PDB file of N, CA and C in Angstrom:
ATOM      1  N   MET A   1       6.235  -2.440 -35.116  1.00  0.00           N
ATOM      2  CA  MET A   1       5.516  -3.667 -34.855  1.00  0.00           C
ATOM      3  C   MET A   1       4.016  -3.382 -34.870  1.00  0.00           C
ATOM      4  N   LEU A   2       3.275  -4.200 -35.582  1.00  0.00           N
ATOM      5  CA  LEU A   2       1.828  -4.041 -35.680  1.00  0.00           C
ATOM      6  C   LEU A   2       1.136  -4.728 -34.501  1.00  0.00           C
ATOM      7  N   ALA A   3      -0.038  -4.256 -34.154  1.00  0.00           N
ATOM      8  CA  ALA A   3      -0.834  -4.898 -33.112  1.00  0.00           C
ATOM      9  C   ALA A   3      -1.416  -6.206 -33.643  1.00  0.00           C
ATOM     10  N   LEU A   4      -1.550  -7.162 -32.761  1.00  0.00           N
ATOM     11  CA  LEU A   4      -2.098  -8.457 -33.145  1.00  0.00           C
ATOM     12  C   LEU A   4      -3.599  -8.455 -32.852  1.00  0.00           C
ATOM     13  N   ASN A   5      -4.351  -7.753 -33.719  1.00  0.00           N
ATOM     14  CA  ASN A   5      -5.772  -7.516 -33.498  1.00  0.00           C
ATOM     15  C   ASN A   5      -6.702  -8.619 -33.997  1.00  0.00           C
ATOM     16  N   HIS A   6      -6.216  -9.498 -34.824  1.00  0.00           N
ATOM     17  CA  HIS A   6      -7.048 -10.582 -35.359  1.00  0.00           C
ATOM     18  C   HIS A   6      -6.871 -11.797 -34.443  1.00  0.00           C
ATOM     19  N   THR A   7      -7.966 -12.289 -33.877  1.00  0.00           N
ATOM     20  CA  THR A   7      -7.865 -13.376 -32.913  1.00  0.00           C
ATOM     21  C   THR A   7      -8.842 -14.498 -33.235  1.00  0.00           C
ATOM     22  N   LEU A   8      -8.512 -15.667 -32.732  1.00  0.00           N
ATOM     23  CA  LEU A   8      -9.366 -16.837 -32.885  1.00  0.00           C
ATOM     24  C   LEU A   8      -9.062 -17.779 -31.728  1.00  0.00           C
ATOM     25  N   GLU A   9     -10.095 -18.378 -31.170  1.00  0.00           N
ATOM     26  CA  GLU A   9      -9.918 -19.385 -30.125  1.00  0.00           C
ATOM     27  C   GLU A   9     -10.596 -20.665 -30.578  1.00  0.00           C
ATOM     28  N   ILE A  10      -9.855 -21.759 -30.498  1.00  0.00           N
ATOM     29  CA  ILE A  10     -10.382 -23.065 -30.890  1.00  0.00           C
ATOM     30  C   ILE A  10     -10.329 -23.994 -29.682  1.00  0.00           C
ATOM     31  N   LYS A  11     -11.423 -24.696 -29.436  1.00  0.00           N
ATOM     32  CA  LYS A  11     -11.468 -25.713 -28.388  1.00  0.00           C
ATOM     33  C   LYS A  11     -11.256 -27.067 -29.041  1.00  0.00           C
ATOM     34  N   ILE A  12     -10.284 -27.806 -28.533  1.00  0.00           N
ATOM     35  CA  ILE A  12      -9.948 -29.112 -29.088  1.00  0.00           C
ATOM     36  C   ILE A  12     -10.248 -30.172 -28.031  1.00  0.00           C
ATOM     37  N   PRO A  13     -11.382 -30.860 -28.160  1.00  0.00           N
ATOM     38  CA  PRO A  13     -11.714 -31.887 -27.160  1.00  0.00           C
ATOM     39  C   PRO A  13     -10.870 -33.145 -27.386  1.00  0.00           C
ATOM     40  N   LEU A  14     -10.305 -33.630 -26.304  1.00  0.00           N
ATOM     41  CA  LEU A  14      -9.511 -34.857 -26.364  1.00  0.00           C
ATOM     42  C   LEU A  14     -10.131 -35.882 -25.419  1.00  0.00           C
ATOM     43  N   GLN A  15      -9.638 -37.111 -25.471  1.00  0.00           N
ATOM     44  CA  GLN A  15     -10.267 -38.193 -24.708  1.00  0.00           C
ATOM     45  C   GLN A  15     -10.163 -38.000 -23.200  1.00  0.00           C
ATOM     46  N   ASN A  16      -9.077 -37.377 -22.743  1.00  0.00           N
ATOM     47  CA  ASN A  16      -8.909 -37.205 -21.301  1.00  0.00           C
ATOM     48  C   ASN A  16      -7.856 -36.119 -21.030  1.00  0.00           C
ATOM     49  N   GLU A  17      -7.661 -35.834 -19.762  1.00  0.00           N
ATOM     50  CA  GLU A  17      -6.722 -34.782 -19.355  1.00  0.00           C
ATOM     51  C   GLU A  17      -5.286 -35.115 -19.752  1.00  0.00           C
ATOM     52  N   ARG A  18      -4.916 -36.379 -19.641  1.00  0.00           N
ATOM     53  CA  ARG A  18      -3.556 -36.804 -20.003  1.00  0.00           C
ATOM     54  C   ARG A  18      -3.262 -36.489 -21.470  1.00  0.00           C
ATOM     55  N   PHE A  19      -4.191 -36.802 -22.355  1.00  0.00           N
ATOM     56  CA  PHE A  19      -4.001 -36.518 -23.777  1.00  0.00           C
ATOM     57  C   PHE A  19      -3.917 -35.012 -24.030  1.00  0.00           C
ATOM     58  N   ALA A  20      -4.717 -34.233 -23.304  1.00  0.00           N
ATOM     59  CA  ALA A  20      -4.681 -32.778 -23.459  1.00  0.00           C
ATOM     60  C   ALA A  20      -3.311 -32.228 -23.059  1.00  0.00           C
ATOM     61  N   HIS A  21      -2.741 -32.761 -21.970  1.00  0.00           N
ATOM     62  CA  HIS A  21      -1.417 -32.305 -21.536  1.00  0.00           C
ATOM     63  C   HIS A  21      -0.327 -32.711 -22.521  1.00  0.00           C
ATOM     64  N   ILE A  22      -0.432 -33.918 -23.061  1.00  0.00           N
ATOM     65  CA  ILE A  22       0.553 -34.366 -24.058  1.00  0.00           C
ATOM     66  C   ILE A  22       0.499 -33.456 -25.284  1.00  0.00           C
ATOM     67  N   ALA A  23      -0.690 -33.204 -25.791  1.00  0.00           N
ATOM     68  CA  ALA A  23      -0.840 -32.340 -26.970  1.00  0.00           C
ATOM     69  C   ALA A  23      -0.307 -30.937 -26.680  1.00  0.00           C
ATOM     70  N   GLN A  24      -0.606 -30.412 -25.517  1.00  0.00           N
ATOM     71  CA  GLN A  24      -0.117 -29.079 -25.144  1.00  0.00           C
ATOM     72  C   GLN A  24       1.408 -29.043 -25.132  1.00  0.00           C
ATOM     73  N   GLN A  25       2.028 -30.030 -24.526  1.00  0.00           N
ATOM     74  CA  GLN A  25       3.482 -30.057 -24.437  1.00  0.00           C
ATOM     75  C   GLN A  25       4.129 -30.155 -25.816  1.00  0.00           C
ATOM     76  N   VAL A  26       3.574 -30.986 -26.676  1.00  0.00           N
ATOM     77  CA  VAL A  26       4.138 -31.158 -28.011  1.00  0.00           C
ATOM     78  C   VAL A  26       3.970 -29.881 -28.839  1.00  0.00           C
ATOM     79  N   MET A  27       2.801 -29.265 -28.768  1.00  0.00           N
ATOM     80  CA  MET A  27       2.557 -28.047 -29.549  1.00  0.00           C
ATOM     81  C   MET A  27       3.392 -26.871 -29.049  1.00  0.00           C
ATOM     82  N   ASN A  28       3.658 -26.802 -27.754  1.00  0.00           N
ATOM     83  CA  ASN A  28       4.443 -25.692 -27.213  1.00  0.00           C
ATOM     84  C   ASN A  28       5.905 -25.733 -27.644  1.00  0.00           C
ATOM     85  N   VAL A  29       6.395 -26.881 -28.066  1.00  0.00           N
ATOM     86  CA  VAL A  29       7.781 -27.007 -28.512  1.00  0.00           C
ATOM     87  C   VAL A  29       7.988 -26.364 -29.882  1.00  0.00           C
ATOM     88  N   ASP A  30       6.951 -26.381 -30.705  1.00  0.00           N
ATOM     89  CA  ASP A  30       7.036 -25.862 -32.070  1.00  0.00           C
ATOM     90  C   ASP A  30       7.230 -24.341 -32.049  1.00  0.00           C
ATOM     91  N   PRO A  31       8.359 -23.836 -32.563  1.00  0.00           N
ATOM     92  CA  PRO A  31       8.598 -22.381 -32.512  1.00  0.00           C
ATOM     93  C   PRO A  31       7.739 -21.610 -33.521  1.00  0.00           C
ATOM     94  N   ILE A  32       7.377 -20.396 -33.145  1.00  0.00           N
ATOM     95  CA  ILE A  32       6.651 -19.496 -34.048  1.00  0.00           C
ATOM     96  C   ILE A  32       7.704 -18.797 -34.910  1.00  0.00           C
ATOM     97  N   LEU A  33       7.556 -18.896 -36.222  1.00  0.00           N
ATOM     98  CA  LEU A  33       8.571 -18.352 -37.128  1.00  0.00           C
ATOM     99  C   LEU A  33       8.589 -16.830 -37.163  1.00  0.00           C
ATOM    100  N   LYS A  34       7.427 -16.205 -37.050  1.00  0.00           N
ATOM    101  CA  LYS A  34       7.338 -14.741 -37.067  1.00  0.00           C
ATOM    102  C   LYS A  34       6.536 -14.274 -35.850  1.00  0.00           C
ATOM    103  N   PRO A  35       7.159 -14.264 -34.674  1.00  0.00           N
ATOM    104  CA  PRO A  35       6.405 -13.906 -33.462  1.00  0.00           C
ATOM    105  C   PRO A  35       5.893 -12.464 -33.446  1.00  0.00           C
ATOM    106  N   ASP A  36       6.447 -11.605 -34.285  1.00  0.00           N
ATOM    107  CA  ASP A  36       5.939 -10.234 -34.380  1.00  0.00           C
ATOM    108  C   ASP A  36       4.605 -10.185 -35.122  1.00  0.00           C
ATOM    109  N   SER A  37       4.326 -11.215 -35.941  1.00  0.00           N
ATOM    110  CA  SER A  37       3.124 -11.236 -36.770  1.00  0.00           C
ATOM    111  C   SER A  37       2.058 -12.208 -36.293  1.00  0.00           C
ATOM    112  N   PHE A  38       2.483 -13.249 -35.565  1.00  0.00           N
ATOM    113  CA  PHE A  38       1.557 -14.321 -35.190  1.00  0.00           C
ATOM    114  C   PHE A  38       1.980 -14.916 -33.852  1.00  0.00           C
ATOM    115  N   GLN A  39       1.004 -15.173 -33.001  1.00  0.00           N
ATOM    116  CA  GLN A  39       1.267 -15.828 -31.723  1.00  0.00           C
ATOM    117  C   GLN A  39       0.156 -16.810 -31.425  1.00  0.00           C
ATOM    118  N   VAL A  40       0.515 -17.856 -30.692  1.00  0.00           N
ATOM    119  CA  VAL A  40      -0.476 -18.849 -30.277  1.00  0.00           C
ATOM    120  C   VAL A  40      -0.141 -19.289 -28.860  1.00  0.00           C
ATOM    121  N   GLU A  41      -1.196 -19.546 -28.096  1.00  0.00           N
ATOM    122  CA  GLU A  41      -1.047 -20.026 -26.729  1.00  0.00           C
ATOM    123  C   GLU A  41      -1.934 -21.261 -26.586  1.00  0.00           C
ATOM    124  N   TYR A  42      -1.367 -22.322 -26.050  1.00  0.00           N
ATOM    125  CA  TYR A  42      -2.119 -23.554 -25.815  1.00  0.00           C
ATOM    126  C   TYR A  42      -2.283 -23.723 -24.313  1.00  0.00           C
ATOM    127  N   ILE A  43      -3.524 -23.804 -23.870  1.00  0.00           N
ATOM    128  CA  ILE A  43      -3.795 -23.985 -22.445  1.00  0.00           C
ATOM    129  C   ILE A  43      -4.872 -25.047 -22.255  1.00  0.00           C
ATOM    130  N   ILE A  44      -4.828 -25.697 -21.097  1.00  0.00           N
ATOM    131  CA  ILE A  44      -5.864 -26.659 -20.748  1.00  0.00           C
ATOM    132  C   ILE A  44      -7.078 -25.862 -20.279  1.00  0.00           C
ATOM    133  N   ASP A  45      -8.241 -26.195 -20.800  1.00  0.00           N
ATOM    134  CA  ASP A  45      -9.478 -25.498 -20.435  1.00  0.00           C
ATOM    135  C   ASP A  45      -9.732 -25.682 -18.938  1.00  0.00           C
ATOM    136  N   PRO A  46      -9.813 -24.589 -18.182  1.00  0.00           N
ATOM    137  CA  PRO A  46     -10.035 -24.722 -16.733  1.00  0.00           C
ATOM    138  C   PRO A  46     -11.406 -25.322 -16.389  1.00  0.00           C
ATOM    139  N   ASN A  47     -12.344 -25.283 -17.323  1.00  0.00           N
ATOM    140  CA  ASN A  47     -13.677 -25.839 -17.085  1.00  0.00           C
ATOM    141  C   ASN A  47     -13.812 -27.289 -17.540  1.00  0.00           C
ATOM    142  N   ASP A  48     -12.842 -27.762 -18.334  1.00  0.00           N
ATOM    143  CA  ASP A  48     -12.875 -29.133 -18.857  1.00  0.00           C
ATOM    144  C   ASP A  48     -11.442 -29.566 -19.117  1.00  0.00           C
ATOM    145  N   SER A  49     -10.871 -30.308 -18.188  1.00  0.00           N
ATOM    146  CA  SER A  49      -9.445 -30.645 -18.279  1.00  0.00           C
ATOM    147  C   SER A  49      -9.100 -31.540 -19.465  1.00  0.00           C
ATOM    148  N   GLY A  50     -10.093 -32.086 -20.151  1.00  0.00           N
ATOM    149  CA  GLY A  50      -9.845 -32.886 -21.344  1.00  0.00           C
ATOM    150  C   GLY A  50      -9.909 -32.076 -22.627  1.00  0.00           C
ATOM    151  N   THR A  51      -9.974 -30.757 -22.496  1.00  0.00           N
ATOM    152  CA  THR A  51     -10.061 -29.881 -23.663  1.00  0.00           C
ATOM    153  C   THR A  51      -8.861 -28.951 -23.709  1.00  0.00           C
ATOM    154  N   LEU A  52      -8.229 -28.882 -24.857  1.00  0.00           N
ATOM    155  CA  LEU A  52      -7.109 -27.972 -25.079  1.00  0.00           C
ATOM    156  C   LEU A  52      -7.638 -26.737 -25.795  1.00  0.00           C
ATOM    157  N   LEU A  53      -7.309 -25.569 -25.276  1.00  0.00           N
ATOM    158  CA  LEU A  53      -7.681 -24.313 -25.921  1.00  0.00           C
ATOM    159  C   LEU A  53      -6.479 -23.790 -26.697  1.00  0.00           C
ATOM    160  N   ALA A  54      -6.702 -23.433 -27.932  1.00  0.00           N
ATOM    161  CA  ALA A  54      -5.671 -22.802 -28.754  1.00  0.00           C
ATOM    162  C   ALA A  54      -6.121 -21.373 -29.015  1.00  0.00           C
ATOM    163  N   LYS A  55      -5.353 -20.419 -28.503  1.00  0.00           N
ATOM    164  CA  LYS A  55      -5.691 -19.004 -28.665  1.00  0.00           C
ATOM    165  C   LYS A  55      -4.684 -18.374 -29.629  1.00  0.00           C
ATOM    166  N   PHE A  56      -5.193 -17.979 -30.778  1.00  0.00           N
ATOM    167  CA  PHE A  56      -4.367 -17.421 -31.837  1.00  0.00           C
ATOM    168  C   PHE A  56      -4.553 -15.912 -31.920  1.00  0.00           C
ATOM    169  N   SER A  57      -3.482 -15.193 -32.244  1.00  0.00           N
ATOM    170  CA  SER A  57      -3.580 -13.763 -32.542  1.00  0.00           C
ATOM    171  C   SER A  57      -2.562 -13.438 -33.631  1.00  0.00           C
ATOM    172  N   ALA A  58      -2.973 -12.533 -34.540  1.00  0.00           N
ATOM    173  CA  ALA A  58      -2.126 -12.202 -35.681  1.00  0.00           C
ATOM    174  C   ALA A  58      -2.348 -10.754 -36.084  1.00  0.00           C
ATOM    175  N   GLU A  59      -1.394 -10.248 -36.876  1.00  0.00           N
ATOM    176  CA  GLU A  59      -1.486  -8.853 -37.314  1.00  0.00           C
ATOM    177  C   GLU A  59      -2.503  -8.653 -38.418  1.00  0.00           C
ATOM    178  N   ASP A  60      -2.800  -9.709 -39.188  1.00  0.00           N
ATOM    179  CA  ASP A  60      -3.805  -9.593 -40.246  1.00  0.00           C
ATOM    180  C   ASP A  60      -4.470 -10.941 -40.487  1.00  0.00           C
ATOM    181  N   ASP A  61      -5.524 -10.940 -41.273  1.00  0.00           N
ATOM    182  CA  ASP A  61      -6.287 -12.162 -41.496  1.00  0.00           C
ATOM    183  C   ASP A  61      -5.490 -13.235 -42.233  1.00  0.00           C
ATOM    184  N   ARG A  62      -4.610 -12.843 -43.114  1.00  0.00           N
ATOM    185  CA  ARG A  62      -3.790 -13.805 -43.849  1.00  0.00           C
ATOM    186  C   ARG A  62      -2.852 -14.553 -42.902  1.00  0.00           C
ATOM    187  N   CYS A  63      -2.156 -13.811 -42.040  1.00  0.00           N
ATOM    188  CA  CYS A  63      -1.260 -14.443 -41.065  1.00  0.00           C
ATOM    189  C   CYS A  63      -2.033 -15.372 -40.140  1.00  0.00           C
ATOM    190  N   LEU A  64      -3.221 -14.962 -39.743  1.00  0.00           N
ATOM    191  CA  LEU A  64      -4.053 -15.787 -38.870  1.00  0.00           C
ATOM    192  C   LEU A  64      -4.443 -17.081 -39.583  1.00  0.00           C
ATOM    193  N   ARG A  65      -4.893 -16.971 -40.822  1.00  0.00           N
ATOM    194  CA  ARG A  65      -5.312 -18.158 -41.588  1.00  0.00           C
ATOM    195  C   ARG A  65      -4.157 -19.139 -41.759  1.00  0.00           C
ATOM    196  N   VAL A  66      -2.998 -18.642 -42.162  1.00  0.00           N
ATOM    197  CA  VAL A  66      -1.839 -19.513 -42.396  1.00  0.00           C
ATOM    198  C   VAL A  66      -1.391 -20.161 -41.087  1.00  0.00           C
ATOM    199  N   GLY A  67      -1.315 -19.377 -40.032  1.00  0.00           N
ATOM    200  CA  GLY A  67      -0.884 -19.910 -38.742  1.00  0.00           C
ATOM    201  C   GLY A  67      -1.836 -20.942 -38.185  1.00  0.00           C
ATOM    202  N   VAL A  68      -3.130 -20.670 -38.286  1.00  0.00           N
ATOM    203  CA  VAL A  68      -4.135 -21.615 -37.791  1.00  0.00           C
ATOM    204  C   VAL A  68      -4.102 -22.896 -38.626  1.00  0.00           C
ATOM    205  N   ASN A  69      -4.005 -22.773 -39.939  1.00  0.00           N
ATOM    206  CA  ASN A  69      -3.945 -23.964 -40.800  1.00  0.00           C
ATOM    207  C   ASN A  69      -2.761 -24.856 -40.428  1.00  0.00           C
ATOM    208  N   ASN A  70      -1.592 -24.259 -40.229  1.00  0.00           N
ATOM    209  CA  ASN A  70      -0.409 -25.035 -39.866  1.00  0.00           C
ATOM    210  C   ASN A  70      -0.578 -25.685 -38.498  1.00  0.00           C
ATOM    211  N   SER A  71      -1.134 -24.950 -37.561  1.00  0.00           N
ATOM    212  CA  SER A  71      -1.324 -25.485 -36.215  1.00  0.00           C
ATOM    213  C   SER A  71      -2.334 -26.622 -36.200  1.00  0.00           C
ATOM    214  N   VAL A  72      -3.418 -26.477 -36.940  1.00  0.00           N
ATOM    215  CA  VAL A  72      -4.436 -27.526 -36.989  1.00  0.00           C
ATOM    216  C   VAL A  72      -3.861 -28.793 -37.652  1.00  0.00           C
ATOM    217  N   ALA A  73      -3.066 -28.628 -38.679  1.00  0.00           N
ATOM    218  CA  ALA A  73      -2.435 -29.788 -39.329  1.00  0.00           C
ATOM    219  C   ALA A  73      -1.501 -30.505 -38.350  1.00  0.00           C
ATOM    220  N   SER A  74      -0.734 -29.741 -37.601  1.00  0.00           N
ATOM    221  CA  SER A  74       0.155 -30.343 -36.597  1.00  0.00           C
ATOM    222  C   SER A  74      -0.651 -31.043 -35.515  1.00  0.00           C
ATOM    223  N   MET A  75      -1.721 -30.400 -35.066  1.00  0.00           N
ATOM    224  CA  MET A  75      -2.545 -30.989 -34.011  1.00  0.00           C
ATOM    225  C   MET A  75      -3.177 -32.298 -34.476  1.00  0.00           C
ATOM    226  N   LEU A  76      -3.609 -32.352 -35.726  1.00  0.00           N
ATOM    227  CA  LEU A  76      -4.183 -33.584 -36.265  1.00  0.00           C
ATOM    228  C   LEU A  76      -3.159 -34.720 -36.213  1.00  0.00           C
ATOM    229  N   THR A  77      -1.929 -34.440 -36.596  1.00  0.00           N
ATOM    230  CA  THR A  77      -0.860 -35.443 -36.551  1.00  0.00           C
ATOM    231  C   THR A  77      -0.608 -35.900 -35.115  1.00  0.00           C
ATOM    232  N   ILE A  78      -0.606 -34.960 -34.193  1.00  0.00           N
ATOM    233  CA  ILE A  78      -0.377 -35.283 -32.781  1.00  0.00           C
ATOM    234  C   ILE A  78      -1.500 -36.168 -32.246  1.00  0.00           C
ATOM    235  N   ILE A  79      -2.734 -35.822 -32.550  1.00  0.00           N
ATOM    236  CA  ILE A  79      -3.876 -36.610 -32.060  1.00  0.00           C
ATOM    237  C   ILE A  79      -3.839 -38.020 -32.648  1.00  0.00           C
ATOM    238  N   GLU A  80      -3.534 -38.138 -33.927  1.00  0.00           N
ATOM    239  CA  GLU A  80      -3.433 -39.461 -34.539  1.00  0.00           C
ATOM    240  C   GLU A  80      -2.314 -40.279 -33.896  1.00  0.00           C
ATOM    241  N   SER A  81      -1.191 -39.630 -33.601  1.00  0.00           N
ATOM    242  CA  SER A  81      -0.067 -40.318 -32.958  1.00  0.00           C
ATOM    243  C   SER A  81      -0.439 -40.765 -31.545  1.00  0.00           C
ATOM    244  N   ILE A  82      -1.112 -39.906 -30.792  1.00  0.00           N
ATOM    245  CA  ILE A  82      -1.536 -40.269 -29.437  1.00  0.00           C
ATOM    246  C   ILE A  82      -2.460 -41.489 -29.490  1.00  0.00           C
ATOM    247  N   ASP A  83      -3.403 -41.489 -30.411  1.00  0.00           N
ATOM    248  CA  ASP A  83      -4.339 -42.608 -30.542  1.00  0.00           C
ATOM    249  C   ASP A  83      -3.615 -43.901 -30.868  1.00  0.00           C
ATOM    250  N   GLU A  84      -2.668 -43.838 -31.796  1.00  0.00           N
ATOM    251  CA  GLU A  84      -1.926 -45.037 -32.194  1.00  0.00           C
ATOM    252  C   GLU A  84      -1.035 -45.547 -31.060  1.00  0.00           C
ATOM    253  N   LEU A  85      -0.302 -44.646 -30.424  1.00  0.00           N
ATOM    254  CA  LEU A  85       0.647 -45.068 -29.382  1.00  0.00           C
ATOM    255  C   LEU A  85      -0.058 -45.493 -28.104  1.00  0.00           C
ATOM    256  N   ASP A  86      -1.219 -44.927 -27.830  1.00  0.00           N
ATOM    257  CA  ASP A  86      -1.947 -45.305 -26.621  1.00  0.00           C
ATOM    258  C   ASP A  86      -2.472 -46.733 -26.731  1.00  0.00           C
ATOM    259  N   ALA A  87      -2.688 -47.191 -27.938  1.00  0.00           N
ATOM    260  CA  ALA A  87      -3.209 -48.557 -28.142  1.00  0.00           C
ATOM    261  C   ALA A  87      -2.134 -49.621 -27.918  1.00  0.00           C
ATOM    262  N   LEU A  88      -0.875 -49.200 -27.878  1.00  0.00           N
ATOM    263  CA  LEU A  88       0.213 -50.187 -27.706  1.00  0.00           C
ATOM    264  C   LEU A  88       0.304 -50.726 -26.306  1.00  0.00           C
TER     265      LEU A  88
END
């Protein structure tokens, strides 16, 4: 098993703490296909409860890029869904 030395942290600002928790719960359900090569942790920013932190780590830059791209695409869908459903 290789070390997961490539890391990236993204701050995702949301409208409020409730939306941050919803996004966190939805993203945590999605399984990581290759946990030996890529891992991600979603946490609520302790300094700003309306911000979701996504902490990525991977064995190489390619795995990091692919994993982050997939996660960001999923997060975009989740945020759009939250916005649409909250208006109902």
